[in-house]
N, C-alpha and C. Protein backbone atom coordinates (compact mmCIF):
# COMPACT_ATOMS: atom_id res chain seq x y z
N UNK A 1 -2.77 -14.28 -22.48
CA UNK A 1 -1.68 -13.55 -22.01
C UNK A 1 -0.68 -14.73 -21.52
N UNK A 2 0.59 -14.57 -21.68
CA UNK A 2 1.66 -15.46 -21.25
C UNK A 2 1.88 -15.25 -19.65
N UNK A 3 1.51 -16.36 -18.94
CA UNK A 3 1.53 -16.19 -17.52
C UNK A 3 3.04 -15.91 -17.07
N UNK A 4 4.04 -16.73 -17.62
CA UNK A 4 5.39 -16.47 -17.17
C UNK A 4 5.97 -15.12 -17.50
N UNK A 5 5.53 -14.60 -18.61
CA UNK A 5 5.91 -13.29 -19.00
C UNK A 5 5.35 -12.16 -18.11
N UNK A 6 3.94 -12.38 -17.85
CA UNK A 6 3.25 -11.63 -16.72
C UNK A 6 4.02 -11.57 -15.53
N UNK A 7 4.31 -12.77 -14.93
CA UNK A 7 4.83 -12.86 -13.55
C UNK A 7 6.33 -12.39 -13.48
N UNK A 8 7.13 -12.67 -14.48
CA UNK A 8 8.43 -12.26 -14.58
C UNK A 8 8.61 -10.72 -14.56
N UNK A 9 7.82 -10.09 -15.55
CA UNK A 9 7.79 -8.68 -15.65
C UNK A 9 7.27 -8.00 -14.53
N UNK A 10 6.30 -8.57 -13.87
CA UNK A 10 5.63 -8.08 -12.78
C UNK A 10 6.57 -8.02 -11.67
N UNK A 11 7.38 -9.17 -11.43
CA UNK A 11 8.38 -9.08 -10.35
C UNK A 11 9.39 -8.03 -10.51
N UNK A 12 9.86 -7.94 -11.75
CA UNK A 12 10.85 -6.94 -12.05
C UNK A 12 10.29 -5.52 -11.85
N UNK A 13 9.06 -5.38 -12.26
CA UNK A 13 8.37 -4.08 -11.96
C UNK A 13 8.34 -3.82 -10.55
N UNK A 14 7.98 -4.79 -9.67
CA UNK A 14 7.90 -4.69 -8.18
C UNK A 14 9.20 -4.20 -7.52
N UNK A 15 10.39 -4.90 -8.01
CA UNK A 15 11.61 -4.58 -7.53
C UNK A 15 12.00 -3.20 -7.87
N UNK A 16 11.79 -2.78 -9.12
CA UNK A 16 12.07 -1.46 -9.58
C UNK A 16 11.26 -0.46 -8.87
N UNK A 17 10.03 -0.72 -8.62
CA UNK A 17 9.06 0.21 -7.90
C UNK A 17 9.50 0.41 -6.50
N UNK A 18 10.03 -0.64 -5.81
CA UNK A 18 10.46 -0.61 -4.40
C UNK A 18 11.67 0.27 -4.34
N UNK A 19 12.62 0.16 -5.14
CA UNK A 19 13.91 0.91 -5.15
C UNK A 19 13.63 2.36 -5.62
N UNK A 20 12.95 2.57 -6.61
CA UNK A 20 12.57 3.78 -7.14
C UNK A 20 11.83 4.66 -6.05
N UNK A 21 10.85 4.10 -5.41
CA UNK A 21 10.12 4.62 -4.33
C UNK A 21 11.05 5.09 -3.11
N UNK A 22 11.92 4.22 -2.78
CA UNK A 22 12.82 4.55 -1.72
C UNK A 22 13.80 5.69 -2.14
N UNK A 23 14.19 5.75 -3.45
CA UNK A 23 15.09 6.76 -3.82
C UNK A 23 14.27 8.13 -3.86
N UNK A 24 13.14 8.10 -4.43
CA UNK A 24 12.31 9.37 -4.61
C UNK A 24 11.80 9.76 -3.32
N UNK A 25 11.01 8.88 -2.60
CA UNK A 25 10.17 9.31 -1.46
C UNK A 25 11.18 9.14 -0.09
N UNK A 26 11.94 8.14 -0.12
CA UNK A 26 12.78 7.83 1.17
C UNK A 26 13.89 8.60 1.22
N UNK A 27 14.51 9.20 0.17
CA UNK A 27 15.68 9.88 0.21
C UNK A 27 15.61 11.27 -0.50
N UNK A 28 15.45 11.31 -1.65
CA UNK A 28 15.53 12.63 -2.33
C UNK A 28 14.53 13.64 -1.94
N UNK A 29 13.12 13.31 -1.76
CA UNK A 29 12.15 14.18 -1.34
C UNK A 29 11.49 13.97 0.02
N UNK A 30 12.26 13.21 0.91
CA UNK A 30 11.62 13.00 2.26
C UNK A 30 11.33 14.33 2.99
N UNK A 31 12.24 15.14 2.97
CA UNK A 31 12.17 16.39 3.72
C UNK A 31 11.01 17.38 3.12
N UNK A 32 11.05 17.23 1.81
CA UNK A 32 10.06 18.19 1.02
C UNK A 32 8.68 17.78 1.48
N UNK A 33 8.37 16.40 1.40
CA UNK A 33 7.06 15.88 1.75
C UNK A 33 6.75 16.03 3.26
N UNK A 34 7.68 16.04 4.07
CA UNK A 34 7.54 16.33 5.46
C UNK A 34 7.01 17.75 5.73
N UNK A 35 7.46 18.75 4.93
CA UNK A 35 7.17 20.03 5.08
C UNK A 35 5.84 20.49 4.16
N UNK A 36 5.27 19.64 3.57
CA UNK A 36 4.14 19.82 2.70
C UNK A 36 2.97 18.87 3.13
N UNK A 37 2.92 18.50 4.34
CA UNK A 37 1.68 17.75 4.78
C UNK A 37 0.56 18.71 5.10
N UNK A 38 -0.49 18.12 5.16
CA UNK A 38 -1.72 18.95 5.68
C UNK A 38 -1.75 19.10 7.10
N UNK A 39 -2.93 19.38 7.73
CA UNK A 39 -3.08 19.48 9.17
C UNK A 39 -3.16 18.15 9.89
N UNK A 40 -3.21 17.04 9.11
CA UNK A 40 -3.38 15.74 9.87
C UNK A 40 -2.02 15.52 10.49
N UNK A 41 -2.11 15.01 11.79
CA UNK A 41 -0.75 14.70 12.45
C UNK A 41 -0.53 13.22 12.54
N UNK A 42 0.73 12.93 12.74
CA UNK A 42 1.18 11.56 12.92
C UNK A 42 0.84 10.67 11.67
N UNK A 43 0.85 11.19 10.47
CA UNK A 43 0.43 10.44 9.27
C UNK A 43 1.76 9.67 8.83
N UNK A 44 2.78 10.27 8.51
CA UNK A 44 4.01 9.44 8.14
C UNK A 44 4.58 8.53 9.34
N UNK A 45 4.96 7.37 8.88
CA UNK A 45 5.67 6.56 9.95
C UNK A 45 7.17 6.77 9.74
N UNK A 46 7.85 6.60 10.96
CA UNK A 46 9.29 6.60 11.00
C UNK A 46 9.76 5.34 10.21
N UNK A 47 10.93 5.40 9.91
CA UNK A 47 11.53 4.23 9.13
C UNK A 47 11.39 2.97 10.02
N UNK A 48 11.61 3.08 11.31
CA UNK A 48 11.60 1.97 12.28
C UNK A 48 10.13 1.38 12.48
N UNK A 49 9.17 2.16 12.14
CA UNK A 49 7.75 1.77 12.26
C UNK A 49 7.06 1.24 10.98
N UNK A 50 7.77 1.19 9.84
CA UNK A 50 7.26 0.83 8.60
C UNK A 50 6.83 -0.60 8.59
N UNK A 51 5.70 -1.03 8.14
CA UNK A 51 5.23 -2.33 8.15
C UNK A 51 5.75 -2.86 6.77
N UNK A 52 6.71 -3.64 6.82
CA UNK A 52 7.63 -4.03 5.66
C UNK A 52 6.78 -4.96 4.75
N UNK A 53 6.08 -5.96 5.39
CA UNK A 53 5.42 -6.94 4.56
C UNK A 53 4.38 -6.28 3.78
N UNK A 54 3.52 -5.29 4.24
CA UNK A 54 2.57 -4.45 3.53
C UNK A 54 3.30 -3.70 2.37
N UNK A 55 4.51 -3.11 2.69
CA UNK A 55 5.17 -2.35 1.61
C UNK A 55 5.51 -3.21 0.47
N UNK A 56 6.14 -4.34 0.83
CA UNK A 56 6.56 -5.34 -0.12
C UNK A 56 5.32 -5.84 -1.10
N UNK A 57 4.27 -6.24 -0.36
CA UNK A 57 3.06 -6.60 -1.07
C UNK A 57 2.45 -5.49 -1.91
N UNK A 58 2.43 -4.34 -1.44
CA UNK A 58 2.07 -3.14 -2.25
C UNK A 58 2.86 -3.00 -3.53
N UNK A 59 4.17 -3.04 -3.38
CA UNK A 59 5.08 -2.97 -4.52
C UNK A 59 4.90 -4.14 -5.68
N UNK A 60 4.60 -5.25 -5.04
CA UNK A 60 4.34 -6.48 -5.89
C UNK A 60 3.01 -6.18 -6.58
N UNK A 61 2.06 -5.66 -5.96
CA UNK A 61 0.74 -5.36 -6.70
C UNK A 61 0.92 -4.21 -7.81
N UNK A 62 1.83 -3.23 -7.56
CA UNK A 62 2.24 -2.22 -8.54
C UNK A 62 2.87 -2.88 -9.70
N UNK A 63 3.87 -3.74 -9.50
CA UNK A 63 4.61 -4.43 -10.45
C UNK A 63 3.67 -5.21 -11.40
N UNK A 64 2.87 -6.09 -10.75
CA UNK A 64 1.86 -6.82 -11.51
C UNK A 64 0.88 -5.99 -12.26
N UNK A 65 0.41 -4.97 -11.69
CA UNK A 65 -0.53 -4.02 -12.49
C UNK A 65 0.01 -3.45 -13.66
N UNK A 66 1.27 -3.05 -13.55
CA UNK A 66 2.01 -2.49 -14.76
C UNK A 66 2.16 -3.48 -15.75
N UNK A 67 2.65 -4.81 -15.27
CA UNK A 67 2.91 -5.83 -16.19
C UNK A 67 1.54 -6.16 -16.80
N UNK A 68 0.53 -6.37 -16.22
CA UNK A 68 -0.81 -6.63 -16.81
C UNK A 68 -1.18 -5.71 -17.94
N UNK A 69 -1.14 -4.43 -17.47
CA UNK A 69 -1.57 -3.37 -18.56
C UNK A 69 -0.70 -3.31 -19.66
N UNK A 70 0.76 -3.37 -19.37
CA UNK A 70 1.66 -3.21 -20.52
C UNK A 70 1.65 -4.52 -21.49
N UNK A 71 1.41 -5.74 -20.78
CA UNK A 71 1.27 -6.93 -21.51
C UNK A 71 0.03 -6.79 -22.60
N UNK A 72 -1.17 -6.33 -21.93
CA UNK A 72 -2.30 -6.18 -22.68
C UNK A 72 -2.05 -5.14 -23.84
N UNK A 73 -1.29 -4.14 -23.54
CA UNK A 73 -0.96 -3.11 -24.53
C UNK A 73 0.07 -3.59 -25.65
N UNK A 74 0.72 -4.58 -25.41
CA UNK A 74 1.77 -5.09 -26.19
C UNK A 74 3.07 -4.26 -26.11
N UNK A 75 3.29 -3.56 -25.05
CA UNK A 75 4.42 -2.87 -24.81
C UNK A 75 5.69 -3.75 -24.48
N UNK A 76 6.54 -3.98 -25.70
CA UNK A 76 7.65 -4.78 -25.53
C UNK A 76 8.96 -4.07 -25.77
N UNK A 77 9.03 -2.79 -25.34
CA UNK A 77 10.29 -2.08 -25.32
C UNK A 77 10.28 -1.08 -24.23
N UNK A 78 11.46 -0.62 -24.07
CA UNK A 78 11.72 0.30 -22.94
C UNK A 78 10.85 1.57 -23.34
N UNK A 79 10.91 2.15 -24.44
CA UNK A 79 10.22 3.31 -24.75
C UNK A 79 8.84 3.19 -24.72
N UNK A 80 8.27 2.13 -25.29
CA UNK A 80 6.67 1.84 -25.11
C UNK A 80 6.25 1.73 -23.70
N UNK A 81 7.12 0.93 -22.94
CA UNK A 81 6.70 0.83 -21.48
C UNK A 81 6.81 2.12 -20.75
N UNK A 82 7.98 2.95 -21.05
CA UNK A 82 8.02 4.16 -20.38
C UNK A 82 6.89 5.17 -20.66
N UNK A 83 6.47 5.23 -21.89
CA UNK A 83 5.41 6.10 -22.22
C UNK A 83 4.20 5.82 -21.68
N UNK A 84 3.72 4.53 -21.78
CA UNK A 84 2.52 4.05 -21.21
C UNK A 84 2.62 4.07 -19.67
N UNK A 85 3.70 3.72 -19.04
CA UNK A 85 3.81 3.84 -17.68
C UNK A 85 3.74 5.18 -17.08
N UNK A 86 4.18 6.13 -17.87
CA UNK A 86 4.03 7.58 -17.39
C UNK A 86 2.61 7.99 -17.31
N UNK A 87 1.96 7.58 -18.39
CA UNK A 87 0.33 7.92 -18.34
C UNK A 87 -0.24 7.26 -17.26
N UNK A 88 0.05 5.88 -17.00
CA UNK A 88 -0.64 5.26 -15.97
C UNK A 88 -0.31 5.81 -14.64
N UNK A 89 0.89 6.10 -14.34
CA UNK A 89 1.37 6.66 -13.07
C UNK A 89 0.70 8.11 -12.88
N UNK A 90 0.79 8.88 -13.92
CA UNK A 90 0.13 10.24 -13.87
C UNK A 90 -1.33 10.14 -13.55
N UNK A 91 -2.19 9.41 -14.26
CA UNK A 91 -3.45 9.30 -14.02
C UNK A 91 -4.00 8.70 -12.81
N UNK A 92 -3.28 7.54 -12.38
CA UNK A 92 -3.62 6.87 -11.18
C UNK A 92 -3.31 7.70 -10.03
N UNK A 93 -2.08 8.44 -9.99
CA UNK A 93 -1.75 9.17 -8.88
C UNK A 93 -2.51 10.39 -8.83
N UNK A 94 -2.88 11.06 -9.80
CA UNK A 94 -3.67 12.35 -9.82
C UNK A 94 -5.09 12.06 -9.33
N UNK A 95 -5.70 10.77 -9.76
CA UNK A 95 -6.96 10.41 -9.30
C UNK A 95 -6.97 10.27 -7.72
N UNK A 96 -6.05 9.44 -7.27
CA UNK A 96 -5.92 9.16 -5.75
C UNK A 96 -5.63 10.39 -4.98
N UNK A 97 -4.67 11.11 -5.54
CA UNK A 97 -4.08 12.31 -4.65
C UNK A 97 -5.18 13.39 -4.62
N UNK A 98 -5.85 13.67 -5.72
CA UNK A 98 -6.85 14.78 -5.85
C UNK A 98 -8.01 14.42 -5.08
N UNK A 99 -8.38 13.16 -4.97
CA UNK A 99 -9.43 12.62 -4.12
C UNK A 99 -9.05 12.83 -2.64
N UNK A 100 -7.94 12.46 -2.20
CA UNK A 100 -7.43 12.65 -0.87
C UNK A 100 -7.33 14.23 -0.48
N UNK A 101 -6.83 14.94 -1.54
CA UNK A 101 -6.73 16.38 -1.17
C UNK A 101 -8.19 16.96 -0.98
N UNK A 102 -9.12 16.61 -1.74
CA UNK A 102 -10.54 17.07 -1.62
C UNK A 102 -11.08 16.57 -0.38
N UNK A 103 -10.84 15.42 0.18
CA UNK A 103 -11.48 14.90 1.34
C UNK A 103 -10.66 14.66 2.63
N UNK A 104 -9.45 15.04 2.62
CA UNK A 104 -8.74 14.83 3.92
C UNK A 104 -7.68 15.95 3.94
N UNK A 105 -6.93 15.90 5.09
CA UNK A 105 -5.94 16.91 5.36
C UNK A 105 -4.59 16.26 5.40
N UNK A 106 -4.29 15.26 4.53
CA UNK A 106 -3.10 14.53 4.53
C UNK A 106 -1.94 15.30 3.88
N UNK A 107 -2.27 16.13 2.91
CA UNK A 107 -1.23 16.87 2.26
C UNK A 107 -1.71 18.25 1.81
N UNK A 108 -0.80 19.24 1.63
CA UNK A 108 -1.22 20.59 1.14
C UNK A 108 -1.18 20.49 -0.43
N UNK A 109 -1.63 21.59 -1.03
CA UNK A 109 -1.61 21.47 -2.53
C UNK A 109 -0.25 21.47 -3.21
N UNK A 110 0.73 21.98 -2.56
CA UNK A 110 2.11 21.82 -3.13
C UNK A 110 2.50 20.37 -2.99
N UNK A 111 2.25 19.70 -1.84
CA UNK A 111 2.59 18.35 -1.89
C UNK A 111 1.86 17.41 -2.62
N UNK A 112 0.51 17.80 -2.88
CA UNK A 112 -0.31 16.89 -3.68
C UNK A 112 0.23 16.92 -5.20
N UNK A 113 0.47 18.19 -5.65
CA UNK A 113 0.90 18.18 -7.06
C UNK A 113 2.29 17.73 -7.30
N UNK A 114 3.13 17.83 -6.25
CA UNK A 114 4.48 17.25 -6.38
C UNK A 114 4.45 15.72 -6.30
N UNK A 115 3.50 15.20 -5.52
CA UNK A 115 3.18 13.73 -5.42
C UNK A 115 2.76 13.21 -6.90
N UNK A 116 1.92 14.03 -7.55
CA UNK A 116 1.41 13.71 -8.75
C UNK A 116 2.48 13.47 -9.82
N UNK A 117 3.48 14.49 -9.70
CA UNK A 117 4.57 14.44 -10.54
C UNK A 117 5.56 13.29 -10.29
N UNK A 118 5.63 12.97 -9.02
CA UNK A 118 6.50 11.80 -8.55
C UNK A 118 5.84 10.55 -9.13
N UNK A 119 4.57 10.36 -9.00
CA UNK A 119 3.83 9.32 -9.53
C UNK A 119 3.99 9.01 -11.04
N UNK A 120 4.01 10.14 -11.70
CA UNK A 120 4.21 10.04 -13.26
C UNK A 120 5.68 9.48 -13.54
N UNK A 121 6.66 10.11 -12.72
CA UNK A 121 8.02 9.59 -12.86
C UNK A 121 8.20 8.22 -12.46
N UNK A 122 7.60 7.85 -11.37
CA UNK A 122 7.73 6.39 -10.84
C UNK A 122 7.07 5.49 -11.99
N UNK A 123 5.95 5.83 -12.49
CA UNK A 123 5.22 5.10 -13.52
C UNK A 123 6.16 5.03 -14.78
N UNK A 124 6.77 6.04 -15.26
CA UNK A 124 7.74 5.99 -16.37
C UNK A 124 8.78 4.94 -16.05
N UNK A 125 9.32 4.96 -14.85
CA UNK A 125 10.52 4.06 -14.38
C UNK A 125 10.10 2.58 -14.46
N UNK A 126 9.04 2.41 -13.66
CA UNK A 126 8.53 0.98 -13.61
C UNK A 126 7.96 0.62 -14.95
N UNK A 127 7.30 1.41 -15.74
CA UNK A 127 6.85 1.02 -17.00
C UNK A 127 8.06 0.63 -18.02
N UNK A 128 9.12 1.45 -17.88
CA UNK A 128 10.29 1.32 -18.81
C UNK A 128 10.82 -0.16 -18.39
N UNK A 129 10.95 -0.45 -17.19
CA UNK A 129 11.60 -1.86 -16.77
C UNK A 129 10.67 -2.93 -17.20
N UNK A 130 9.39 -2.76 -17.01
CA UNK A 130 8.43 -3.84 -17.34
C UNK A 130 8.43 -4.02 -18.95
N UNK A 131 8.37 -2.86 -19.72
CA UNK A 131 8.49 -3.03 -21.14
C UNK A 131 9.74 -3.64 -21.68
N UNK A 132 10.89 -3.21 -20.97
CA UNK A 132 12.24 -3.80 -21.46
C UNK A 132 12.22 -5.27 -21.11
N UNK A 133 11.69 -5.64 -20.01
CA UNK A 133 11.60 -7.02 -19.55
C UNK A 133 10.77 -7.72 -20.52
N UNK A 134 9.57 -7.23 -20.95
CA UNK A 134 8.69 -7.93 -21.96
C UNK A 134 9.38 -8.20 -23.23
N UNK A 135 10.18 -7.14 -23.74
CA UNK A 135 10.79 -7.26 -24.99
C UNK A 135 11.95 -8.24 -24.97
N UNK A 136 12.74 -8.29 -23.78
CA UNK A 136 13.76 -9.41 -23.68
C UNK A 136 13.08 -10.83 -23.61
N UNK A 137 11.93 -10.94 -23.08
CA UNK A 137 11.24 -12.25 -23.02
C UNK A 137 10.73 -12.66 -24.41
N UNK A 138 10.16 -11.65 -25.20
CA UNK A 138 9.69 -11.78 -26.49
C UNK A 138 10.81 -12.28 -27.51
N UNK A 139 12.08 -11.63 -27.34
CA UNK A 139 13.22 -12.05 -28.21
C UNK A 139 13.65 -13.48 -27.76
N UNK A 140 13.66 -13.80 -26.52
CA UNK A 140 13.99 -15.16 -26.09
C UNK A 140 13.12 -16.19 -26.66
N UNK A 141 11.74 -15.89 -26.59
CA UNK A 141 10.77 -16.73 -27.04
C UNK A 141 10.86 -16.95 -28.66
N UNK A 142 11.26 -15.93 -29.30
CA UNK A 142 11.34 -15.98 -30.78
C UNK A 142 12.59 -16.76 -31.19
N UNK A 143 13.56 -16.84 -30.36
CA UNK A 143 14.89 -17.46 -30.77
C UNK A 143 14.74 -18.93 -30.80
């Protein structure tokens, strides 16, 4: 695997993940998820309480994970990245959310299934960005 391609598309994926997460979870659906929590209290942090370094590192991990998988899969286009990213996001989020739903009171069933849908959409967006970046780098290398 080309290390530069992996890192560049991973960083692009991380940036896209951060902003897509802010748009989806921090803006569009923030109130929805506040109303669909489970009986656990004090779970979501207020914006002023967010631990930013941890959120940035988490998004970097997401970007690198998508980059690694999509590079190994040979996804070098927006469409290939979006399709593979959708499946990755759907399956990963479903596995994590359904486990949490089964074992904790963080979210109710409506919030759980909505989050799985959001994870699939996030995966599609991040995967598309990583796939597009991979394709641009492949064309540049071929030139």
